[in-house]
Amino acid sequence: MVAEVPAGARADAAQWAGEPERGSALLLRAMMFLSLHLGRPVARLILYGIAGYFFAFAPAARRGSLKYLRLALGREPTPADRFRQVFAFASTILDRFYLIKGRTGLLEVTCEGEDFMQAAYESGAGAFLLGAHLGSFEIMSAVGRTRPGLRVAMAMYDRQASRVTSFFRSGAVDPPEIIALGQLDAMLRIRDCLEEGRFVGMLADRSLGDTAAQVVSFLGHPALFPSGPMRVAAALRRRVIFMTGLYRGGNRYHLVFQPLADFSQPCPRGREVAVREAVQRYAALLEAHCRRDPYNWFNFYDFWHGARPGATAPGTRS
């Protein structure tokens, strides 16, 4: 079942946007200095202490993690399960220090669906890459920067550009192009990127209070997923590819590219139906990866809050 929801319900589910951001620029600068000068093995030892601190002193994040892990694991998570999720998140943050400085050789990266991705690139038509707060999106961007022509522009709302994201962007040797959604020229910039045969990346698992969203079943419960990214892809008649960079422990990452939707051809049942089915498929792919790699989920809040089964907005049909 899928349904559009009114702005009030969307605001309830966008509680993550109002959560105070933990961490500080001073801590990030200190960790960057240590990681780059002492090396990754030493930095990872320090990381255990940092992850332990947030594990112990972030009760709201702990509650959100507990609810998610119960659903993804299908059992009551142990403290070791919950710490493993926090440490996986901290590990991806640490590795971003190396990625933004171009030290991709420190990481071992495997890829699933590389032929599909290469074919999409060689077609020259451009495509959307839809990711999530699952694993590391930066690992994909970093790998792309090592391949001539394979570049990704990130489209995001200003509210999605957190202090941590801004810090990494300012310190990058080769910062990614950012397209600020909500601005007048955003759609023109996205269209130009696609017409140049480039990829446009978006994270599509967090709903903002004033953006269109749908109620979709996720891990057995109704959850809100934004429909805006699919609507943009449909309006521009482009292919959509699901991607994630899963952290597999140590220095290992696994990139996954999977076909998600193709709006280049008209849908016989209409664009609205095609968009809704694409959002459902996105949620289904995300759920499959959460069950397979449960510790890679980095939405540390009540993801299901505010999603009411059967909710509909005026003038829409479920």
Protein backbone atom coordinates (compact mmCIF):
# COMPACT_ATOMS: atom_id res chain seq x y z
CA MET A 1 0.00 0.00 0.00
CA VAL A 2 1.27 3.48 -0.84
CA ALA A 3 -0.27 6.84 -0.05
CA GLU A 4 0.54 10.53 -0.19
CA VAL A 5 0.50 12.13 3.24
CA PRO A 6 -0.32 15.65 4.36
CA ALA A 7 2.32 18.10 5.52
CA GLY A 8 1.40 17.72 9.19
CA ALA A 9 2.25 14.04 9.22
CA ARG A 10 5.40 14.70 7.21
CA ALA A 11 6.52 17.21 9.82
CA ASP A 12 6.14 14.56 12.52
CA ALA A 13 8.39 12.20 10.61
CA ALA A 14 10.98 14.89 9.89
CA GLN A 15 11.98 15.00 13.56
CA TRP A 16 15.56 14.07 12.57
CA ALA A 17 15.98 17.57 11.10
CA GLY A 18 15.41 19.13 14.51
CA GLU A 19 17.75 16.85 16.42
CA PRO A 20 20.88 18.60 17.73
CA GLU A 21 23.92 17.50 15.76
CA ARG A 22 26.54 15.82 17.89
CA GLY A 23 30.23 16.35 17.39
CA SER A 24 32.15 19.57 16.84
CA ALA A 25 34.45 21.15 14.30
CA LEU A 26 37.27 20.94 16.87
CA LEU A 27 36.82 17.18 17.29
CA LEU A 28 36.65 16.69 13.52
CA ARG A 29 39.82 18.71 12.97
CA ALA A 30 41.61 16.79 15.71
CA MET A 31 40.56 13.43 14.27
CA MET A 32 41.59 14.50 10.78
CA PHE A 33 45.04 15.50 12.03
CA LEU A 34 45.50 12.24 13.94
CA SER A 35 44.18 10.03 11.14
CA LEU A 36 46.36 11.64 8.49
CA HIS A 37 49.55 11.82 10.59
CA LEU A 38 49.36 8.71 12.77
CA GLY A 39 47.81 6.39 10.20
CA ARG A 40 44.58 4.48 9.97
CA PRO A 41 45.40 1.64 12.45
CA VAL A 42 46.13 4.10 15.27
CA ALA A 43 43.14 6.25 14.37
CA ARG A 44 40.86 3.22 14.56
CA LEU A 45 42.04 2.50 18.09
CA ILE A 46 41.07 6.04 19.08
CA LEU A 47 37.77 5.51 17.30
CA TYR A 48 36.72 2.83 19.78
CA GLY A 49 36.80 5.44 22.55
CA ILE A 50 34.82 7.98 20.52
CA ALA A 51 32.23 5.40 19.47
CA GLY A 52 31.96 4.21 23.07
CA TYR A 53 31.28 7.76 24.27
CA PHE A 54 28.41 8.29 21.83
CA PHE A 55 27.10 4.80 22.50
CA ALA A 56 26.86 5.63 26.19
CA PHE A 57 25.72 9.26 26.09
CA ALA A 58 23.26 9.53 23.19
CA PRO A 59 19.98 8.11 24.61
CA ALA A 60 17.72 9.32 21.77
CA ALA A 61 19.99 7.76 19.15
CA ARG A 62 20.15 4.59 21.26
CA ARG A 63 16.35 4.30 21.26
CA GLY A 64 16.15 4.78 17.50
CA SER A 65 18.90 2.23 16.94
CA LEU A 66 17.21 -0.31 19.20
CA LYS A 67 13.89 -0.06 17.34
CA TYR A 68 15.58 -0.42 13.95
CA LEU A 69 17.80 -3.35 14.94
CA ARG A 70 14.85 -5.28 16.37
CA LEU A 71 13.17 -5.11 12.97
CA ALA A 72 16.27 -5.70 10.83
CA LEU A 73 17.66 -8.58 12.93
CA GLY A 74 14.30 -10.14 13.78
CA ARG A 75 15.37 -10.53 17.41
CA GLU A 76 16.26 -8.50 20.46
CA PRO A 77 19.61 -6.80 19.72
CA THR A 78 22.43 -7.26 22.20
CA PRO A 79 24.66 -4.40 23.41
CA ALA A 80 27.31 -5.81 21.05
CA ASP A 81 24.87 -5.44 18.13
CA ARG A 82 24.13 -1.85 19.04
CA PHE A 83 27.79 -0.92 19.51
CA ARG A 84 28.67 -2.57 16.21
CA GLN A 85 26.24 -0.27 14.42
CA VAL A 86 27.71 2.82 16.09
CA PHE A 87 31.26 1.72 15.34
CA ALA A 88 30.41 1.03 11.69
CA PHE A 89 29.08 4.58 11.43
CA ALA A 90 32.18 5.99 13.10
CA SER A 91 34.38 3.94 10.75
CA THR A 92 32.75 5.43 7.66
CA ILE A 93 33.27 8.93 9.09
CA LEU A 94 36.95 8.15 9.73
CA ASP A 95 37.43 6.81 6.23
CA ARG A 96 35.97 9.99 4.78
CA PHE A 97 39.12 11.75 6.01
CA TYR A 98 41.16 9.56 3.69
CA LEU A 99 38.69 9.68 0.82
CA ILE A 100 38.48 13.47 0.65
CA LYS A 101 42.29 13.59 0.57
CA GLY A 102 42.40 11.13 -2.30
CA ARG A 103 43.87 8.21 -0.32
CA THR A 104 41.54 5.60 -1.79
CA GLY A 105 44.38 3.05 -1.88
CA LEU A 106 43.99 2.51 1.86
CA LEU A 107 40.60 0.91 1.29
CA GLU A 108 39.65 -2.36 -0.38
CA VAL A 109 36.59 -1.80 -2.56
CA THR A 110 34.59 -4.49 -4.36
CA CYS A 111 31.72 -3.80 -6.70
CA GLU A 112 28.43 -5.49 -7.60
CA GLY A 113 26.65 -4.31 -10.73
CA GLU A 114 29.70 -2.58 -12.18
CA ASP A 115 28.84 -3.72 -15.73
CA PHE A 116 25.37 -2.25 -15.38
CA MET A 117 26.82 1.04 -14.13
CA GLN A 118 29.39 1.13 -16.92
CA ALA A 119 26.69 0.56 -19.53
CA ALA A 120 24.65 3.42 -18.08
CA TYR A 121 27.71 5.68 -18.27
CA GLU A 122 28.58 4.68 -21.83
CA SER A 123 25.01 5.34 -22.98
CA GLY A 124 25.71 9.05 -22.48
CA ALA A 125 22.14 9.69 -21.35
CA GLY A 126 22.94 10.52 -17.74
CA ALA A 127 21.12 8.97 -14.81
CA PHE A 128 20.09 9.46 -11.21
CA LEU A 129 21.87 7.57 -8.42
CA LEU A 130 19.57 7.13 -5.45
CA GLY A 131 21.29 6.25 -2.21
CA ALA A 132 20.38 6.27 1.46
CA HIS A 133 21.94 6.78 4.88
CA LEU A 134 23.17 3.22 4.50
CA GLY A 135 26.91 2.69 4.42
CA SER A 136 29.00 5.35 2.70
CA PHE A 137 27.93 7.44 -0.28
CA GLU A 138 31.36 9.11 -0.25
CA ILE A 139 33.09 5.84 -1.20
CA MET A 140 31.17 5.84 -4.50
CA SER A 141 32.03 9.47 -5.20
CA ALA A 142 35.69 8.84 -4.37
CA VAL A 143 35.91 5.82 -6.67
CA GLY A 144 34.16 7.82 -9.39
CA ARG A 145 36.76 10.58 -9.13
CA THR A 146 39.49 8.06 -10.03
CA ARG A 147 37.76 7.24 -13.32
CA PRO A 148 37.89 9.93 -16.02
CA GLY A 149 34.44 11.24 -16.87
CA LEU A 150 32.59 9.32 -14.17
CA ARG A 151 31.54 12.22 -11.98
CA VAL A 152 28.58 12.61 -9.65
CA ALA A 153 26.88 15.87 -8.72
CA MET A 154 25.06 15.68 -5.39
CA ALA A 155 21.59 17.24 -5.20
CA MET A 156 20.40 18.02 -1.67
CA TYR A 157 18.36 20.47 0.36
CA ASP A 158 20.29 22.98 2.46
CA ARG A 159 18.87 21.35 5.60
CA GLN A 160 20.47 18.06 4.55
CA ALA A 161 23.91 19.68 4.39
CA SER A 162 24.91 19.08 8.01
CA ARG A 163 27.85 20.63 9.82
CA VAL A 164 29.79 17.40 9.32
CA THR A 165 29.01 17.38 5.58
CA SER A 166 30.10 21.01 5.27
CA PHE A 167 33.34 20.23 7.09
CA PHE A 168 34.23 17.41 4.73
CA ARG A 169 33.28 19.43 1.69
CA SER A 170 35.57 22.30 2.72
CA GLY A 171 38.51 19.94 3.33
CA ALA A 172 38.22 17.92 0.14
CA VAL A 173 41.05 17.94 -2.40
CA ASP A 174 38.46 17.64 -5.17
CA PRO A 175 35.09 18.60 -3.65
CA PRO A 176 31.96 17.25 -5.33
CA GLU A 177 29.57 19.54 -7.14
CA ILE A 178 26.57 20.34 -4.94
CA ILE A 179 23.20 21.30 -6.39
CA ALA A 180 21.04 23.03 -3.77
CA LEU A 181 17.47 21.84 -4.19
CA GLY A 182 14.77 24.42 -3.62
CA GLN A 183 16.65 27.11 -5.52
CA LEU A 184 15.33 28.49 -8.79
CA ASP A 185 18.13 27.10 -10.94
CA ALA A 186 18.26 23.63 -9.32
CA MET A 187 16.27 21.82 -12.01
CA LEU A 188 18.24 23.55 -14.77
CA ARG A 189 21.53 22.47 -13.20
CA ILE A 190 20.31 18.90 -12.78
CA ARG A 191 19.12 18.83 -16.39
CA ASP A 192 22.45 20.22 -17.63
CA CYS A 193 24.40 17.56 -15.70
CA LEU A 194 22.27 14.79 -17.16
CA GLU A 195 22.50 16.12 -20.70
CA GLU A 196 26.28 16.08 -20.33
CA GLY A 197 25.98 12.35 -19.62
CA ARG A 198 26.80 12.73 -15.93
CA PHE A 199 25.19 11.22 -12.84
CA VAL A 200 23.16 13.09 -10.24
CA GLY A 201 23.19 11.57 -6.76
CA MET A 202 20.47 11.99 -4.16
CA LEU A 203 19.72 10.45 -0.76
CA ALA A 204 16.08 9.40 -0.71
CA ASP A 205 15.36 7.92 2.72
CA ARG A 206 14.62 11.01 4.81
CA SER A 207 11.43 13.02 4.52
CA LEU A 208 11.41 16.75 5.18
CA GLY A 209 8.31 18.40 6.60
CA ASP A 210 7.32 20.41 3.51
CA THR A 211 8.22 17.93 0.77
CA ALA A 212 6.04 15.28 -0.85
CA ALA A 213 6.21 11.86 0.79
CA GLN A 214 4.56 8.45 0.58
CA VAL A 215 3.72 5.86 3.18
CA VAL A 216 5.44 2.61 2.22
CA SER A 217 5.92 -0.65 4.09
CA PHE A 218 9.50 -0.85 5.36
CA LEU A 219 10.75 -3.69 7.59
CA GLY A 220 7.13 -4.66 8.20
CA HIS A 221 5.89 -1.23 9.33
CA PRO A 222 4.62 1.88 7.54
CA ALA A 223 7.32 4.50 6.98
CA LEU A 224 7.57 7.80 5.13
CA PHE A 225 9.73 8.02 2.01
CA PRO A 226 10.12 11.19 -0.05
CA SER A 227 8.69 10.99 -3.55
CA GLY A 228 10.45 14.14 -4.79
CA PRO A 229 13.56 12.40 -6.22
CA MET A 230 11.41 10.05 -8.31
CA ARG A 231 9.26 12.93 -9.49
CA VAL A 232 12.33 14.82 -10.67
CA ALA A 233 13.62 11.73 -12.51
CA ALA A 234 10.20 11.20 -14.10
CA ALA A 235 9.91 14.84 -15.17
CA LEU A 236 13.35 14.67 -16.82
CA ARG A 237 12.65 11.17 -18.23
CA ARG A 238 15.83 9.57 -16.91
CA ARG A 239 16.91 6.21 -15.57
CA VAL A 240 17.25 5.76 -11.79
CA ILE A 241 19.90 3.50 -10.27
CA PHE A 242 19.93 2.36 -6.65
CA MET A 243 23.37 2.52 -5.11
CA THR A 244 24.99 1.92 -1.75
CA GLY A 245 28.53 1.62 -0.43
CA LEU A 246 28.30 -1.00 2.32
CA TYR A 247 30.95 -1.10 5.05
CA ARG A 248 32.10 -4.67 5.60
CA GLY A 249 34.57 -4.18 8.47
CA GLY A 250 38.27 -3.38 8.55
CA ASN A 251 39.11 -1.44 5.40
CA ARG A 252 36.55 -3.25 3.21
CA TYR A 253 33.68 -1.66 1.31
CA HIS A 254 31.25 -3.19 -1.16
CA LEU A 255 29.60 -1.00 -3.81
CA VAL A 256 26.21 -2.08 -5.12
CA PHE A 257 24.45 -0.74 -8.21
CA GLN A 258 20.97 -2.02 -9.08
CA PRO A 259 18.36 -0.92 -11.64
CA LEU A 260 15.55 0.90 -9.89
CA ALA A 261 13.36 2.69 -12.43
CA ASP A 262 13.48 3.82 -16.05
CA PHE A 263 11.42 6.89 -16.83
CA SER A 264 12.88 7.34 -20.31
CA GLN A 265 9.82 5.58 -21.74
CA PRO A 266 6.23 6.63 -20.87
CA CYS A 267 4.41 4.37 -18.44
CA PRO A 268 1.14 3.07 -19.94
CA ARG A 269 -0.60 3.61 -16.60
CA GLY A 270 0.66 7.16 -16.21
CA ARG A 271 3.56 8.95 -14.53
CA GLU A 272 1.96 9.04 -11.08
CA VAL A 273 1.66 5.26 -10.97
CA ALA A 274 5.24 4.87 -12.19
CA VAL A 275 6.54 7.21 -9.48
CA ARG A 276 4.67 5.41 -6.72
CA GLU A 277 5.86 2.00 -7.87
CA ALA A 278 9.44 3.29 -8.06
CA VAL A 279 9.26 4.57 -4.45
CA GLN A 280 7.99 1.17 -3.36
CA ARG A 281 10.84 -0.58 -5.18
CA TYR A 282 13.36 1.78 -3.60
CA ALA A 283 12.03 0.93 -0.13
CA ALA A 284 12.11 -2.81 -0.98
CA LEU A 285 15.75 -2.65 -2.14
CA LEU A 286 16.72 -0.65 0.92
CA GLU A 287 14.98 -3.17 3.19
CA ALA A 288 16.81 -6.08 1.53
CA HIS A 289 20.18 -4.45 2.17
CA CYS A 290 19.25 -3.53 5.75
CA ARG A 291 18.47 -7.17 6.46
CA ARG A 292 21.67 -8.36 4.79
CA ASP A 293 23.96 -5.67 6.29
CA PRO A 294 21.97 -4.40 9.28
CA TYR A 295 24.82 -2.50 10.94
CA ASN A 296 25.14 -0.15 7.96
CA TRP A 297 21.94 1.77 8.74
CA PHE A 298 22.81 5.27 10.00
CA ASN A 299 19.44 6.87 10.71
CA PHE A 300 19.71 7.16 14.49
CA TYR A 301 16.18 8.32 15.20
CA ASP A 302 12.66 6.82 15.16
CA PHE A 303 12.38 6.35 11.42
CA TRP A 304 8.76 5.16 11.62
CA HIS A 305 7.45 8.03 13.75
CA GLY A 306 4.57 9.93 12.12
CA ALA A 307 3.83 7.40 9.36
CA ARG A 308 0.16 6.61 9.71
CA PRO A 309 -1.25 3.66 7.74
CA GLY A 310 -3.87 4.78 5.24
CA ALA A 311 -3.04 8.47 5.49
CA THR A 312 -3.95 10.39 2.35
CA ALA A 313 -3.67 13.95 1.25
CA PRO A 314 -6.64 15.74 -0.29
CA GLY A 315 -7.04 14.89 -3.96
CA THR A 316 -4.80 11.79 -3.91
CA ARG A 317 -5.64 8.12 -4.10
CA SER A 318 -3.85 5.26 -2.40
